[in-house]
Amino acid sequence: MVLCVESYIGRLGGREGVKIEEQILITETGNPQLSRYPLDERLLG
C-alpha cells in the first residue's frame, strides 16, 4: 500500500500557497519514503 501525506503551506487567509506531498510505501518489513525530490527548506516554514 502507498500512503500519500499532503500538506498545504500558505498564509492564513492568503490567496497563494504550496502543496507538499510525501509518498510512503507501507510494507510488513518497513516503510520507505518513495518521494526522492529534495524540498527547499524555505518552503517548510
N, C-alpha and C. Protein backbone atom coordinates (compact mmCIF):
# COMPACT_ATOMS: atom_id res chain seq x y z
N MET A 1 0.85 -1.16 0.00
CA MET A 1 0.00 0.00 0.00
C MET A 1 0.90 1.23 0.00
N VAL A 2 0.46 2.27 -0.68
CA VAL A 2 1.19 3.54 -0.69
C VAL A 2 0.32 4.58 0.01
N LEU A 3 0.93 5.29 0.94
CA LEU A 3 0.26 6.36 1.68
C LEU A 3 0.84 7.69 1.23
N CYS A 4 -0.02 8.63 0.86
CA CYS A 4 0.42 9.96 0.46
C CYS A 4 0.03 10.94 1.56
N VAL A 5 1.02 11.65 2.07
CA VAL A 5 0.80 12.65 3.11
C VAL A 5 1.00 14.01 2.46
N GLU A 6 -0.05 14.83 2.46
CA GLU A 6 0.00 16.11 1.77
C GLU A 6 -0.24 17.25 2.75
N SER A 7 0.58 18.28 2.63
CA SER A 7 0.45 19.47 3.47
C SER A 7 0.29 20.69 2.59
N TYR A 8 -0.51 21.63 3.03
CA TYR A 8 -0.64 22.92 2.34
C TYR A 8 0.04 23.96 3.21
N ILE A 9 0.94 24.71 2.61
CA ILE A 9 1.66 25.74 3.34
C ILE A 9 1.37 27.08 2.68
N GLY A 10 0.80 27.99 3.45
CA GLY A 10 0.49 29.32 2.95
C GLY A 10 0.06 30.20 4.11
N ARG A 11 -0.08 31.47 3.83
CA ARG A 11 -0.50 32.41 4.88
C ARG A 11 -1.99 32.23 5.16
N LEU A 12 -2.34 32.29 6.43
CA LEU A 12 -3.74 32.18 6.83
C LEU A 12 -4.53 33.31 6.17
N GLY A 13 -5.54 32.96 5.41
CA GLY A 13 -6.35 33.95 4.71
C GLY A 13 -5.72 34.42 3.41
N GLY A 14 -4.54 33.90 3.08
CA GLY A 14 -3.86 34.31 1.85
C GLY A 14 -4.43 33.62 0.62
N ARG A 15 -4.01 34.10 -0.53
CA ARG A 15 -4.52 33.55 -1.79
C ARG A 15 -3.53 32.62 -2.46
N GLU A 16 -2.32 32.51 -1.93
CA GLU A 16 -1.30 31.68 -2.56
C GLU A 16 -0.70 30.73 -1.53
N GLY A 17 -0.20 29.62 -1.99
CA GLY A 17 0.44 28.66 -1.11
C GLY A 17 1.10 27.56 -1.91
N VAL A 18 1.62 26.59 -1.19
CA VAL A 18 2.34 25.47 -1.81
C VAL A 18 1.82 24.18 -1.19
N LYS A 19 1.59 23.17 -2.02
CA LYS A 19 1.25 21.84 -1.52
C LYS A 19 2.50 20.97 -1.59
N ILE A 20 2.80 20.31 -0.49
CA ILE A 20 3.95 19.41 -0.42
C ILE A 20 3.42 18.01 -0.13
N GLU A 21 3.83 17.05 -0.94
CA GLU A 21 3.34 15.68 -0.78
C GLU A 21 4.52 14.72 -0.63
N GLU A 22 4.40 13.82 0.32
CA GLU A 22 5.36 12.75 0.52
C GLU A 22 4.65 11.43 0.29
N GLN A 23 5.27 10.52 -0.45
CA GLN A 23 4.70 9.20 -0.71
C GLN A 23 5.50 8.17 0.07
N ILE A 24 4.79 7.33 0.81
CA ILE A 24 5.42 6.34 1.68
C ILE A 24 4.85 4.96 1.35
N LEU A 25 5.72 3.99 1.12
CA LEU A 25 5.32 2.62 0.86
C LEU A 25 5.16 1.89 2.19
N ILE A 26 3.99 1.32 2.43
CA ILE A 26 3.71 0.60 3.67
C ILE A 26 3.85 -0.90 3.41
N THR A 27 4.81 -1.55 4.09
CA THR A 27 5.01 -2.99 3.94
C THR A 27 5.15 -3.62 5.32
N GLU A 28 5.19 -4.92 5.37
CA GLU A 28 5.36 -5.63 6.64
C GLU A 28 6.76 -5.46 7.20
N THR A 29 7.73 -5.16 6.34
CA THR A 29 9.12 -5.09 6.78
C THR A 29 9.66 -3.68 6.94
N GLY A 30 8.85 -2.67 6.63
CA GLY A 30 9.32 -1.29 6.79
C GLY A 30 8.47 -0.33 5.99
N ASN A 31 8.80 0.94 6.09
CA ASN A 31 8.03 2.00 5.44
C ASN A 31 8.96 2.99 4.74
N PRO A 32 9.54 2.61 3.60
CA PRO A 32 10.45 3.52 2.92
C PRO A 32 9.71 4.68 2.26
N GLN A 33 10.34 5.83 2.27
CA GLN A 33 9.79 7.00 1.60
C GLN A 33 10.08 6.88 0.11
N LEU A 34 9.06 7.02 -0.72
CA LEU A 34 9.22 6.92 -2.17
C LEU A 34 9.59 8.25 -2.80
N SER A 35 9.17 9.35 -2.19
CA SER A 35 9.48 10.68 -2.72
C SER A 35 10.99 10.91 -2.62
N ARG A 36 11.60 11.29 -3.72
CA ARG A 36 13.04 11.50 -3.75
C ARG A 36 13.43 12.94 -4.06
N TYR A 37 12.43 13.78 -4.35
CA TYR A 37 12.72 15.16 -4.74
C TYR A 37 13.08 15.97 -3.50
N PRO A 38 14.21 16.66 -3.52
CA PRO A 38 14.60 17.46 -2.34
C PRO A 38 13.67 18.67 -2.17
N LEU A 39 13.34 18.97 -0.93
CA LEU A 39 12.47 20.10 -0.63
C LEU A 39 13.31 21.31 -0.24
N ASP A 40 12.89 22.48 -0.68
CA ASP A 40 13.56 23.73 -0.33
C ASP A 40 13.21 24.07 1.12
N GLU A 41 14.21 24.21 1.96
CA GLU A 41 13.98 24.49 3.39
C GLU A 41 13.14 25.74 3.61
N ARG A 42 13.21 26.72 2.71
CA ARG A 42 12.43 27.96 2.87
C ARG A 42 10.93 27.69 2.76
N LEU A 43 10.53 26.60 2.11
CA LEU A 43 9.11 26.28 1.96
C LEU A 43 8.56 25.50 3.14
N LEU A 44 9.43 25.01 4.00
CA LEU A 44 8.99 24.15 5.09
C LEU A 44 8.63 24.91 6.36
N GLY A 45 8.79 26.21 6.35
CA GLY A 45 8.41 27.03 7.50
C GLY A 45 9.43 27.03 8.54
